[in-house]
C-alpha atoms as a PDB file:
ATOM      1  CA  MET A   1      -1.271  22.560  20.211  1.00  0.00           C
ATOM      2  CA  LYS A   2       2.512  22.174  20.935  1.00  0.00           C
ATOM      3  CA  TRP A   3       5.020  22.842  18.232  1.00  0.00           C
ATOM      4  CA  ARG A   4       6.161  19.233  18.094  1.00  0.00           C
ATOM      5  CA  ALA A   5       2.621  18.089  17.133  1.00  0.00           C
ATOM      6  CA  HIS A   6       2.391  20.800  14.419  1.00  0.00           C
ATOM      7  CA  LEU A   7       5.893  19.687  13.126  1.00  0.00           C
ATOM      8  CA  PHE A   8       4.805  15.993  13.114  1.00  0.00           C
ATOM      9  CA  ILE A   9       1.531  16.671  11.309  1.00  0.00           C
ATOM     10  CA  GLY A  10       3.319  18.823   8.773  1.00  0.00           C
ATOM     11  CA  VAL A  11       6.001  16.203   8.016  1.00  0.00           C
ATOM     12  CA  ALA A  12       3.448  13.396   7.842  1.00  0.00           C
ATOM     13  CA  ALA A  13       1.224  15.291   5.477  1.00  0.00           C
ATOM     14  CA  SER A  14       4.234  16.338   3.257  1.00  0.00           C
ATOM     15  CA  ALA A  15       5.593  12.764   3.324  1.00  0.00           C
ATOM     16  CA  PHE A  16       2.267  11.439   2.096  1.00  0.00           C
ATOM     17  CA  ALA A  17       1.992  14.135  -0.499  1.00  0.00           C
ATOM     18  CA  ALA A  18       5.482  13.490  -1.748  1.00  0.00           C
ATOM     19  CA  TYR A  19       4.632   9.811  -2.090  1.00  0.00           C
ATOM     20  CA  LEU A  20       1.448  10.610  -4.024  1.00  0.00           C
ATOM     21  CA  LEU A  21       3.362  13.068  -6.250  1.00  0.00           C
ATOM     22  CA  ARG A  22       6.088  10.305  -6.834  1.00  0.00           C
ATOM     23  CA  LEU A  23       8.817  12.840  -5.949  1.00  0.00           C
ATOM     24  CA  GLY A  24      12.407  11.540  -5.957  1.00  0.00           C
ATOM     25  CA  LEU A  25      14.459  11.549  -2.807  1.00  0.00           C
ATOM     26  CA  PRO A  26      16.063  15.020  -3.153  1.00  0.00           C
ATOM     27  CA  ASP A  27      12.812  16.672  -4.251  1.00  0.00           C
ATOM     28  CA  ALA A  28      10.884  14.800  -1.488  1.00  0.00           C
ATOM     29  CA  ALA A  29      13.377  15.806   1.184  1.00  0.00           C
ATOM     30  CA  ILE A  30      13.150  19.478   0.131  1.00  0.00           C
ATOM     31  CA  PHE A  31       9.348  19.284  -0.043  1.00  0.00           C
ATOM     32  CA  CYS A  32       9.220  17.778   3.535  1.00  0.00           C
ATOM     33  CA  ALA A  33      11.709  20.327   4.930  1.00  0.00           C
ATOM     34  CA  VAL A  34       9.716  23.363   3.545  1.00  0.00           C
ATOM     35  CA  SER A  35       6.461  21.858   4.679  1.00  0.00           C
ATOM     36  CA  ALA A  36       7.863  21.157   8.177  1.00  0.00           C
ATOM     37  CA  ALA A  37       9.163  24.717   8.569  1.00  0.00           C
ATOM     38  CA  SER A  38       5.979  26.317   7.311  1.00  0.00           C
ATOM     39  CA  SER A  39       3.919  24.167   9.707  1.00  0.00           C
ATOM     40  CA  LEU A  40       5.405  26.238  12.517  1.00  0.00           C
ATOM     41  CA  LEU A  41       5.021  29.734  10.830  1.00  0.00           C
ATOM     42  CA  PRO A  42       1.437  30.517  11.926  1.00  0.00           C
ATOM     43  CA  ASP A  43       2.607  30.799  15.479  1.00  0.00           C
ATOM     44  CA  LEU A  44       4.967  33.605  14.686  1.00  0.00           C
ATOM     45  CA  ASP A  45       2.528  35.781  16.545  1.00  0.00           C
ATOM     46  CA  ILE A  46       3.394  34.124  19.794  1.00  0.00           C
ATOM     47  CA  ARG A  47       6.748  35.613  21.156  1.00  0.00           C
ATOM     48  CA  SER A  48       7.691  32.332  22.893  1.00  0.00           C
ATOM     49  CA  SER A  49       7.053  29.947  19.937  1.00  0.00           C
ATOM     50  CA  LYS A  50       9.805  28.014  18.218  1.00  0.00           C
ATOM     51  CA  ALA A  51       9.049  29.934  14.944  1.00  0.00           C
ATOM     52  CA  SER A  52       9.460  33.314  16.792  1.00  0.00           C
ATOM     53  CA  GLN A  53      12.734  32.167  18.361  1.00  0.00           C
ATOM     54  CA  ALA A  54      14.180  31.196  15.012  1.00  0.00           C
ATOM     55  CA  ALA A  55      12.859  34.554  13.538  1.00  0.00           C
ATOM     56  CA  TYR A  56      14.621  36.397  16.328  1.00  0.00           C
ATOM     57  CA  ALA A  57      17.854  34.565  15.583  1.00  0.00           C
ATOM     58  CA  VAL A  58      17.616  35.356  11.925  1.00  0.00           C
ATOM     59  CA  ALA A  59      16.736  39.058  12.772  1.00  0.00           C
ATOM     60  CA  LEU A  60      19.820  39.253  15.055  1.00  0.00           C
ATOM     61  CA  LEU A  61      22.141  37.999  12.265  1.00  0.00           C
ATOM     62  CA  ALA A  62      20.560  40.483   9.884  1.00  0.00           C
ATOM     63  CA  LEU A  63      20.889  43.200  12.371  1.00  0.00           C
ATOM     64  CA  LEU A  64      24.559  42.470  12.899  1.00  0.00           C
ATOM     65  CA  ALA A  65      25.140  42.369   9.118  1.00  0.00           C
ATOM     66  CA  ALA A  66      23.317  45.596   8.635  1.00  0.00           C
ATOM     67  CA  ALA A  67      25.285  47.319  11.390  1.00  0.00           C
ATOM     68  CA  TYR A  68      28.512  46.059   9.914  1.00  0.00           C
ATOM     69  CA  PHE A  69      27.717  47.301   6.363  1.00  0.00           C
ATOM     70  CA  LEU A  70      26.693  50.681   7.819  1.00  0.00           C
ATOM     71  CA  SER A  71      29.927  51.035   9.811  1.00  0.00           C
ATOM     72  CA  PHE A  72      32.986  48.929   9.022  1.00  0.00           C
ATOM     73  CA  ALA A  73      32.278  48.366   5.330  1.00  0.00           C
ATOM     74  CA  ARG A  74      32.132  52.158   4.931  1.00  0.00           C
ATOM     75  CA  GLY A  75      35.362  52.707   6.755  1.00  0.00           C
ATOM     76  CA  GLY A  76      33.857  53.493  10.140  1.00  0.00           C
ATOM     77  CA  GLY A  77      34.815  51.904  13.451  1.00  0.00           C
ATOM     78  CA  TRP A  78      33.387  50.399  16.613  1.00  0.00           C
ATOM     79  CA  GLN A  79      31.500  53.576  17.445  1.00  0.00           C
ATOM     80  CA  GLU A  80      29.638  53.660  14.236  1.00  0.00           C
ATOM     81  CA  PHE A  81      28.904  49.884  14.554  1.00  0.00           C
ATOM     82  CA  ALA A  82      27.531  50.354  18.021  1.00  0.00           C
ATOM     83  CA  LEU A  83      25.451  53.369  17.078  1.00  0.00           C
ATOM     84  CA  SER A  84      23.970  51.504  13.996  1.00  0.00           C
ATOM     85  CA  PHE A  85      23.293  48.384  16.058  1.00  0.00           C
ATOM     86  CA  ILE A  86      21.472  50.414  18.725  1.00  0.00           C
ATOM     87  CA  ALA A  87      19.409  52.476  16.175  1.00  0.00           C
ATOM     88  CA  ILE A  88      18.314  49.435  14.125  1.00  0.00           C
ATOM     89  CA  SER A  89      17.576  47.492  17.258  1.00  0.00           C
ATOM     90  CA  CYS A  90      15.276  50.245  18.535  1.00  0.00           C
ATOM     91  CA  VAL A  91      13.400  50.393  15.246  1.00  0.00           C
ATOM     92  CA  LEU A  92      12.950  46.622  15.182  1.00  0.00           C
ATOM     93  CA  ALA A  93      11.783  46.490  18.790  1.00  0.00           C
ATOM     94  CA  ALA A  94       9.303  49.211  18.067  1.00  0.00           C
ATOM     95  CA  LEU A  95       7.981  47.466  15.029  1.00  0.00           C
ATOM     96  CA  ASP A  96       7.704  44.147  16.928  1.00  0.00           C
ATOM     97  CA  LEU A  97       5.736  45.801  19.657  1.00  0.00           C
ATOM     98  CA  LEU A  98       3.423  47.782  17.302  1.00  0.00           C
ATOM     99  CA  ILE A  99       2.852  45.522  14.385  1.00  0.00           C
ATOM    100  CA  ARG A 100       2.858  41.933  15.713  1.00  0.00           C
ATOM    101  CA  PRO A 101      -0.790  40.580  15.402  1.00  0.00           C
ATOM    102  CA  ARG A 102      -2.676  38.991  18.144  1.00  0.00           C
ATOM    103  CA  HIS A 103      -2.487  35.210  18.315  1.00  0.00           C
ATOM    104  CA  ARG A 104      -4.888  33.290  16.065  1.00  0.00           C
ATOM    105  CA  GLY A 105      -5.586  36.508  14.169  1.00  0.00           C
ATOM    106  CA  MET A 106      -4.461  37.387  10.640  1.00  0.00           C
ATOM    107  CA  MET A 107      -1.669  34.747  10.556  1.00  0.00           C
ATOM    108  CA  HIS A 108      -4.106  31.866  11.346  1.00  0.00           C
ATOM    109  CA  SER A 109      -6.215  32.604   8.265  1.00  0.00           C
ATOM    110  CA  LEU A 110      -6.530  30.997   4.804  1.00  0.00           C
ATOM    111  CA  PRO A 111      -6.092  34.420   2.929  1.00  0.00           C
ATOM    112  CA  PHE A 112      -2.696  35.011   4.689  1.00  0.00           C
ATOM    113  CA  ALA A 113      -1.718  31.340   3.837  1.00  0.00           C
ATOM    114  CA  LEU A 114      -2.543  31.930   0.159  1.00  0.00           C
ATOM    115  CA  ALA A 115      -0.796  35.314   0.006  1.00  0.00           C
ATOM    116  CA  ALA A 116       2.322  33.800   1.595  1.00  0.00           C
ATOM    117  CA  ALA A 117       2.181  30.906  -0.744  1.00  0.00           C
ATOM    118  CA  ALA A 118       1.849  33.119  -3.763  1.00  0.00           C
ATOM    119  CA  ALA A 119       4.935  34.991  -2.552  1.00  0.00           C
ATOM    120  CA  CYS A 120       6.744  31.775  -2.160  1.00  0.00           C
ATOM    121  CA  PHE A 121       5.675  30.772  -5.693  1.00  0.00           C
ATOM    122  CA  ALA A 122       7.026  33.949  -7.122  1.00  0.00           C
ATOM    123  CA  VAL A 123      10.396  33.496  -5.441  1.00  0.00           C
ATOM    124  CA  PHE A 124      10.911  29.732  -5.341  1.00  0.00           C
ATOM    125  CA  GLY A 125       8.464  28.021  -7.821  1.00  0.00           C
ATOM    126  CA  ALA A 126       5.650  25.626  -7.599  1.00  0.00           C
ATOM    127  CA  LEU A 127       7.101  22.760  -5.643  1.00  0.00           C
ATOM    128  CA  ALA A 128       8.253  24.983  -2.824  1.00  0.00           C
ATOM    129  CA  SER A 129       4.954  26.868  -2.855  1.00  0.00           C
ATOM    130  CA  GLY A 130       2.941  23.655  -2.680  1.00  0.00           C
ATOM    131  CA  ALA A 131       4.990  22.374   0.197  1.00  0.00           C
ATOM    132  CA  PHE A 132       4.715  25.758   1.972  1.00  0.00           C
ATOM    133  CA  LEU A 133       0.952  25.783   1.510  1.00  0.00           C
ATOM    134  CA  LEU A 134       0.599  22.224   2.632  1.00  0.00           C
ATOM    135  CA  GLY A 135       2.563  22.725   5.861  1.00  0.00           C
ATOM    136  CA  TYR A 136       0.909  26.011   6.640  1.00  0.00           C
ATOM    137  CA  CYS A 137      -2.639  24.640   6.122  1.00  0.00           C
ATOM    138  CA  SER A 138      -1.781  21.552   8.234  1.00  0.00           C
ATOM    139  CA  HIS A 139      -1.176  23.847  11.089  1.00  0.00           C
ATOM    140  CA  LEU A 140      -4.440  25.710  10.581  1.00  0.00           C
ATOM    141  CA  ALA A 141      -6.352  22.474  10.353  1.00  0.00           C
ATOM    142  CA  ALA A 142      -4.715  21.027  13.375  1.00  0.00           C
ATOM    143  CA  ASP A 143      -5.629  24.135  15.459  1.00  0.00           C
END
């Protein structure tokens, strides 16, 4: 299924749930946004998916920040920055090639969804966790 369909289903399910829960506008907007984002996450195991592209963008920003803190923030220069950037890039590329699961494997399972929702609950609380689980499970059900 295309990412647009997963996104639409996740937003529709979360809007209906927000209505049933009688959430106010700010909470409903956050609930729908979290659910919409999580409805794309099971496809992180596809390198060309929208979720993977967003994850690569975030990883690049984190990579640049890490290289900066390992070089310029410690009084180094461009050489240290370049070496840090290359070293971290090689580690991330190796991890991406070795660890990324096959499509519709572990990331397309209910135990993974529950574990991720539990982590979300620990960090962000019940509302975000519920929205995450709803969006994630809407993807699994749609597949």
